Amino acid sequence: MRGRIAIFTNRDARFRWGEQHMAVYNVQKRGSEVMFPGLLLALIAGALIGLQNMFNSKVNERAGSWATTAMVLGMGSLTSLILGLMIEGKQMLDLQNMKPWYWISGLIGVGVVICLMEGIRRLGPTFAISIVMISQLGFALLWDSQGWLGLDKVPFTPKQLIGVLVIVGGIIVFKFGGRRRGRVSSYMN
């Protein structure tokens, strides 16, 4: 990520819960102060997404897609509201500078949960999540390179293309590479 990001910090760039001072930190330096916590949080998010998808698919088996989506997003909204008010206070609800079309994010969330649950049901968890990762990465690169949705325009490089192709190749090998072994071993028995 190039440019600047805004993070809640005190003056010496350490994060504190509830701190209301905004500081801008230049990410281009990629110092350990920014990189390590970012990597750790991304790893935790990935684990939580995988865990949530497993729970969602089990709830979906009993309750159906729409009930599961309502429950997941409803509980998430309530929990976010409570924690946000505890951590940030009423300032959390100060949305003066937000563009009106950002409000559709919740509607997009409905599509995310429904599509993911159905994808997991039809493809299995690992393959469905792999396809989601490819899609996320591909669209993030597209939006970054075009500067869409208010993002800073970042040039699309051959390295990025190679990275995406390696991931796609890995998923293809993962999904279809083991089938031959299964068939060969079944002939041997």
Protein backbone atom coordinates (compact mmCIF):
# COMPACT_ATOMS: atom_id res chain seq x y z
CA MET A 1 0.00 0.00 0.00
CA ARG A 2 1.47 3.33 -0.98
CA GLY A 3 0.73 6.74 0.35
CA ARG A 4 -0.72 7.36 3.75
CA ILE A 5 -3.22 5.71 6.00
CA ALA A 6 -4.92 7.14 9.03
CA ILE A 7 -4.65 5.22 12.28
CA PHE A 8 -5.78 5.99 15.82
CA THR A 9 -2.63 6.69 17.81
CA ASN A 10 -1.16 8.85 20.48
CA ARG A 11 1.85 11.05 19.71
CA ASP A 12 4.46 8.27 19.67
CA ALA A 13 2.53 6.11 17.16
CA ARG A 14 1.38 3.39 19.58
CA PHE A 15 -2.22 2.25 19.38
CA ARG A 16 -4.45 2.80 22.43
CA TRP A 17 -8.06 1.70 22.74
CA GLY A 18 -10.33 4.70 22.82
CA GLU A 19 -7.63 7.22 21.91
CA GLN A 20 -9.31 9.91 19.83
CA HIS A 21 -6.24 11.59 18.28
CA MET A 22 -5.74 10.93 14.61
CA ALA A 23 -2.22 10.70 13.25
CA VAL A 24 -1.08 10.04 9.72
CA TYR A 25 1.74 7.57 9.32
CA ASN A 26 3.68 7.22 6.11
CA VAL A 27 3.38 3.56 5.11
CA GLN A 28 6.01 3.71 2.39
CA LYS A 29 8.73 3.21 5.01
CA ARG A 30 7.12 -0.11 6.01
CA GLY A 31 8.84 -0.11 9.38
CA SER A 32 8.22 -2.92 11.85
CA GLU A 33 5.92 -0.59 13.81
CA VAL A 34 3.39 -0.81 10.96
CA MET A 35 4.27 -4.04 9.17
CA PHE A 36 4.26 -6.58 12.02
CA PRO A 37 0.94 -5.53 13.60
CA GLY A 38 -0.61 -5.36 10.13
CA LEU A 39 0.57 -8.88 9.28
CA LEU A 40 -0.61 -10.21 12.63
CA LEU A 41 -4.04 -8.62 12.26
CA ALA A 42 -4.36 -9.94 8.69
CA LEU A 43 -3.49 -13.47 9.86
CA ILE A 44 -6.03 -13.26 12.68
CA ALA A 45 -8.65 -11.95 10.24
CA GLY A 46 -7.99 -14.87 7.89
CA ALA A 47 -8.36 -17.36 10.73
CA LEU A 48 -11.57 -15.70 11.92
CA ILE A 49 -13.02 -15.67 8.40
CA GLY A 50 -12.30 -19.39 8.04
CA LEU A 51 -13.84 -20.09 11.43
CA GLN A 52 -16.89 -17.94 10.70
CA ASN A 53 -17.43 -19.70 7.37
CA MET A 54 -17.43 -23.09 9.08
CA PHE A 55 -19.97 -21.90 11.66
CA ASN A 56 -22.09 -20.26 8.98
CA SER A 57 -22.18 -23.41 6.87
CA LYS A 58 -23.28 -25.49 9.88
CA VAL A 59 -26.01 -22.99 10.80
CA ASN A 60 -27.04 -22.90 7.12
CA GLU A 61 -27.62 -26.68 7.18
CA ARG A 62 -30.26 -26.22 9.88
CA ALA A 63 -31.69 -22.74 9.31
CA GLY A 64 -31.28 -21.96 5.61
CA SER A 65 -29.31 -19.27 3.81
CA TRP A 66 -31.48 -16.25 4.50
CA ALA A 67 -31.99 -16.99 8.19
CA THR A 68 -28.26 -17.57 8.61
CA THR A 69 -27.43 -14.33 6.81
CA ALA A 70 -29.87 -12.36 8.96
CA MET A 71 -28.48 -13.92 12.12
CA VAL A 72 -24.81 -13.42 11.17
CA LEU A 73 -25.18 -9.81 10.05
CA GLY A 74 -27.63 -8.94 12.85
CA MET A 75 -25.36 -10.29 15.57
CA GLY A 76 -22.36 -8.64 13.92
CA SER A 77 -24.13 -5.28 13.75
CA LEU A 78 -25.23 -5.42 17.37
CA THR A 79 -21.78 -6.50 18.58
CA SER A 80 -20.05 -3.81 16.49
CA LEU A 81 -22.40 -1.14 17.82
CA ILE A 82 -21.86 -2.13 21.45
CA LEU A 83 -18.07 -2.47 21.16
CA GLY A 84 -17.80 0.70 19.07
CA LEU A 85 -19.72 2.72 21.65
CA MET A 86 -17.60 1.27 24.46
CA ILE A 87 -14.31 1.97 22.70
CA GLU A 88 -14.96 5.15 20.70
CA GLY A 89 -18.00 6.56 22.43
CA LYS A 90 -20.61 8.64 20.64
CA GLN A 91 -17.99 9.92 18.20
CA MET A 92 -18.35 6.58 16.44
CA LEU A 93 -21.66 7.81 15.06
CA ASP A 94 -20.20 11.07 13.67
CA LEU A 95 -20.31 10.29 9.96
CA GLN A 96 -20.31 13.81 8.52
CA ASN A 97 -17.66 13.29 5.87
CA MET A 98 -18.84 9.92 4.62
CA LYS A 99 -19.99 9.71 1.02
CA PRO A 100 -23.62 8.53 0.77
CA TRP A 101 -22.86 5.60 -1.51
CA TYR A 102 -20.61 4.03 1.16
CA TRP A 103 -23.81 3.17 3.04
CA ILE A 104 -24.44 0.24 0.69
CA SER A 105 -21.62 -1.70 2.32
CA GLY A 106 -24.12 -3.55 4.51
CA LEU A 107 -26.06 -4.61 1.45
CA ILE A 108 -22.86 -5.92 -0.08
CA GLY A 109 -22.34 -7.91 3.13
CA VAL A 110 -25.61 -9.75 2.50
CA GLY A 111 -24.31 -10.82 -0.90
CA VAL A 112 -20.99 -11.87 0.61
CA VAL A 113 -22.55 -14.12 3.24
CA ILE A 114 -25.18 -15.68 0.93
CA CYS A 115 -22.73 -16.34 -1.92
CA LEU A 116 -20.06 -17.70 0.39
CA MET A 117 -22.42 -20.08 2.20
CA GLU A 118 -23.81 -21.40 -1.06
CA GLY A 119 -20.31 -21.69 -2.54
CA ILE A 120 -19.14 -23.67 0.49
CA ARG A 121 -22.20 -25.91 0.30
CA ARG A 122 -21.63 -26.66 -3.38
CA LEU A 123 -17.81 -26.73 -3.60
CA GLY A 124 -16.65 -27.53 -0.09
CA PRO A 125 -14.96 -25.09 2.28
CA THR A 126 -11.36 -25.15 1.07
CA PHE A 127 -12.07 -24.85 -2.64
CA ALA A 128 -14.76 -22.18 -2.15
CA ILE A 129 -12.51 -20.07 0.10
CA SER A 130 -9.67 -20.47 -2.42
CA ILE A 131 -11.88 -19.10 -5.18
CA VAL A 132 -12.93 -16.24 -2.89
CA MET A 133 -9.27 -15.40 -2.27
CA ILE A 134 -8.51 -15.29 -5.98
CA SER A 135 -11.55 -13.10 -6.59
CA GLN A 136 -10.65 -10.75 -3.73
CA LEU A 137 -7.07 -10.40 -4.88
CA GLY A 138 -8.01 -9.93 -8.52
CA PHE A 139 -10.62 -7.27 -7.82
CA ALA A 140 -8.42 -5.49 -5.27
CA LEU A 141 -5.67 -5.26 -7.89
CA LEU A 142 -8.15 -4.00 -10.47
CA TRP A 143 -9.60 -1.34 -8.16
CA ASP A 144 -6.14 -0.28 -6.97
CA SER A 145 -4.73 -0.04 -10.49
CA GLN A 146 -7.72 1.97 -11.71
CA GLY A 147 -8.02 4.15 -8.61
CA TRP A 148 -11.70 3.26 -8.23
CA LEU A 149 -13.77 3.82 -5.09
CA GLY A 150 -11.55 6.64 -3.88
CA LEU A 151 -8.37 4.55 -3.75
CA ASP A 152 -4.98 5.96 -4.68
CA LYS A 153 -4.07 4.72 -8.15
CA VAL A 154 -1.33 2.09 -7.89
CA PRO A 155 0.33 0.83 -11.08
CA PHE A 156 -0.28 -2.83 -11.94
CA THR A 157 3.10 -4.51 -12.30
CA PRO A 158 4.20 -7.78 -13.88
CA LYS A 159 5.20 -8.97 -10.37
CA GLN A 160 1.59 -8.62 -9.24
CA LEU A 161 0.36 -10.55 -12.27
CA ILE A 162 2.86 -13.34 -11.60
CA GLY A 163 1.77 -13.44 -7.94
CA VAL A 164 -1.88 -13.83 -8.90
CA LEU A 165 -1.06 -16.51 -11.48
CA VAL A 166 1.01 -18.45 -8.92
CA ILE A 167 -1.92 -18.40 -6.49
CA VAL A 168 -4.35 -19.51 -9.21
CA GLY A 169 -1.94 -22.27 -10.26
CA GLY A 170 -1.60 -23.44 -6.67
CA ILE A 171 -5.36 -23.68 -6.26
CA ILE A 172 -5.69 -25.61 -9.53
CA VAL A 173 -3.00 -28.06 -8.38
CA PHE A 174 -4.65 -28.31 -4.96
CA LYS A 175 -8.10 -29.01 -6.34
CA PHE A 176 -7.38 -31.16 -9.37
CA GLY A 177 -3.87 -32.53 -8.73
CA GLY A 178 -4.98 -35.14 -6.20
CA ARG A 179 -7.69 -36.70 -8.36
CA ARG A 180 -5.27 -38.72 -10.46
CA ARG A 181 -3.65 -40.24 -7.40
CA GLY A 182 -7.07 -41.24 -6.07
CA ARG A 183 -7.93 -42.98 -9.33
CA VAL A 184 -4.55 -44.74 -9.59
CA SER A 185 -4.72 -46.01 -6.03
CA SER A 186 -8.30 -47.26 -6.54
CA TYR A 187 -7.13 -49.28 -9.58
CA MET A 188 -4.31 -50.78 -7.55
CA ASN A 189 -6.64 -52.13 -4.86
